[in-house]
Amino acid sequence: MVERDSGTTYVDRGGSGVGGVIIGIAVLALVAIVAFFLITQNRNDNLRTDAVTGAASSVSHAADNVGSAASKAADSASDAATPGK
């Protein structure tokens, strides 16, 4: 039987983990960018909704004014057409 002394065994753990840190930072930046775009899109949708709501409200008020004017004109025409007043 032969015994051999193979010497000291060194265990190499690999890299220092910088690659993992860089990948983690890149993923975090990607999540932040996606969140920013989603929040911005939501804000733009809310602004458009508010603008459409305001326009619809203006149209409603204008229609009310036209209706009131038409009613007054009809009353005036009715009064003018009635003899003896």
Protein backbone atom coordinates (compact mmCIF):
# COMPACT_ATOMS: atom_id res chain seq x y z
CA MET A 1 0.00 0.00 0.00
CA VAL A 2 1.37 3.39 -1.03
CA GLU A 3 0.39 6.55 0.76
CA ARG A 4 0.90 9.78 -0.98
CA ASP A 5 0.80 13.20 0.57
CA SER A 6 -1.11 15.28 -1.91
CA GLY A 7 -0.35 18.49 -0.10
CA THR A 8 -2.70 21.28 0.89
CA THR A 9 -6.10 21.41 -0.76
CA TYR A 10 -7.42 24.86 -1.62
CA VAL A 11 -11.13 25.42 -2.22
CA ASP A 12 -11.86 28.25 -4.64
CA ARG A 13 -15.23 29.84 -3.95
CA GLY A 14 -15.45 31.43 -7.37
CA GLY A 15 -15.90 35.12 -8.08
CA SER A 16 -16.46 37.86 -5.59
CA GLY A 17 -20.17 38.13 -6.44
CA VAL A 18 -19.90 41.43 -8.29
CA GLY A 19 -21.81 39.96 -11.24
CA GLY A 20 -24.76 39.12 -9.01
CA VAL A 21 -24.78 42.62 -7.54
CA ILE A 22 -24.73 44.18 -11.02
CA ILE A 23 -27.61 41.97 -12.15
CA GLY A 24 -29.56 42.88 -8.99
CA ILE A 25 -29.05 46.60 -9.60
CA ALA A 26 -30.09 46.20 -13.26
CA VAL A 27 -33.30 44.38 -12.26
CA LEU A 28 -34.07 47.03 -9.64
CA ALA A 29 -33.54 49.80 -12.21
CA LEU A 30 -35.80 48.00 -14.69
CA VAL A 31 -38.58 47.69 -12.10
CA ALA A 32 -38.25 51.40 -11.26
CA ILE A 33 -38.45 52.38 -14.94
CA VAL A 34 -41.53 50.22 -15.55
CA ALA A 35 -43.22 51.63 -12.43
CA PHE A 36 -42.46 55.20 -13.58
CA PHE A 37 -44.04 54.59 -16.99
CA LEU A 38 -47.12 52.93 -15.50
CA ILE A 39 -47.64 55.79 -13.04
CA THR A 40 -47.15 58.38 -15.80
CA GLN A 41 -49.62 56.58 -18.06
CA ASN A 42 -52.18 56.42 -15.26
CA ARG A 43 -51.74 60.15 -14.58
CA ASN A 44 -52.20 60.95 -18.29
CA ASP A 45 -55.35 58.83 -18.41
CA ASN A 46 -56.72 60.72 -15.40
CA LEU A 47 -55.95 64.07 -17.05
CA ARG A 48 -57.72 62.98 -20.25
CA THR A 49 -60.71 61.78 -18.24
CA ASP A 50 -60.89 65.09 -16.39
CA ALA A 51 -60.68 67.00 -19.69
CA VAL A 52 -63.48 64.97 -21.25
CA THR A 53 -65.60 65.36 -18.13
CA GLY A 54 -65.07 69.13 -18.18
CA ALA A 55 -65.96 69.33 -21.87
CA ALA A 56 -69.11 67.26 -21.32
CA SER A 57 -70.09 69.55 -18.46
CA SER A 58 -69.63 72.62 -20.68
CA VAL A 59 -71.77 71.06 -23.39
CA SER A 60 -74.44 70.28 -20.80
CA HIS A 61 -74.48 73.88 -19.55
CA ALA A 62 -74.63 75.18 -23.11
CA ALA A 63 -77.56 72.88 -23.88
CA ASP A 64 -79.36 74.12 -20.76
CA ASN A 65 -78.81 77.73 -21.88
CA VAL A 66 -80.11 76.97 -25.38
CA GLY A 67 -83.14 75.24 -23.88
CA SER A 68 -83.88 78.22 -21.63
CA ALA A 69 -83.48 80.65 -24.53
CA ALA A 70 -85.79 78.56 -26.72
CA SER A 71 -88.37 78.41 -23.94
CA LYS A 72 -88.24 82.21 -23.48
CA ALA A 73 -88.51 82.74 -27.24
CA ALA A 74 -91.51 80.43 -27.40
CA ASP A 75 -93.16 82.28 -24.51
CA SER A 76 -92.51 85.64 -26.21
CA ALA A 77 -93.87 84.38 -29.52
CA SER A 78 -96.92 82.99 -27.75
CA ASP A 79 -97.54 86.30 -25.98
CA ALA A 80 -97.15 88.24 -29.24
CA ALA A 81 -99.52 85.90 -31.11
CA THR A 82 -102.25 86.15 -28.50
CA PRO A 83 -104.59 89.02 -29.41
CA GLY A 84 -105.89 91.25 -26.66
CA LYS A 85 -102.91 91.24 -24.41
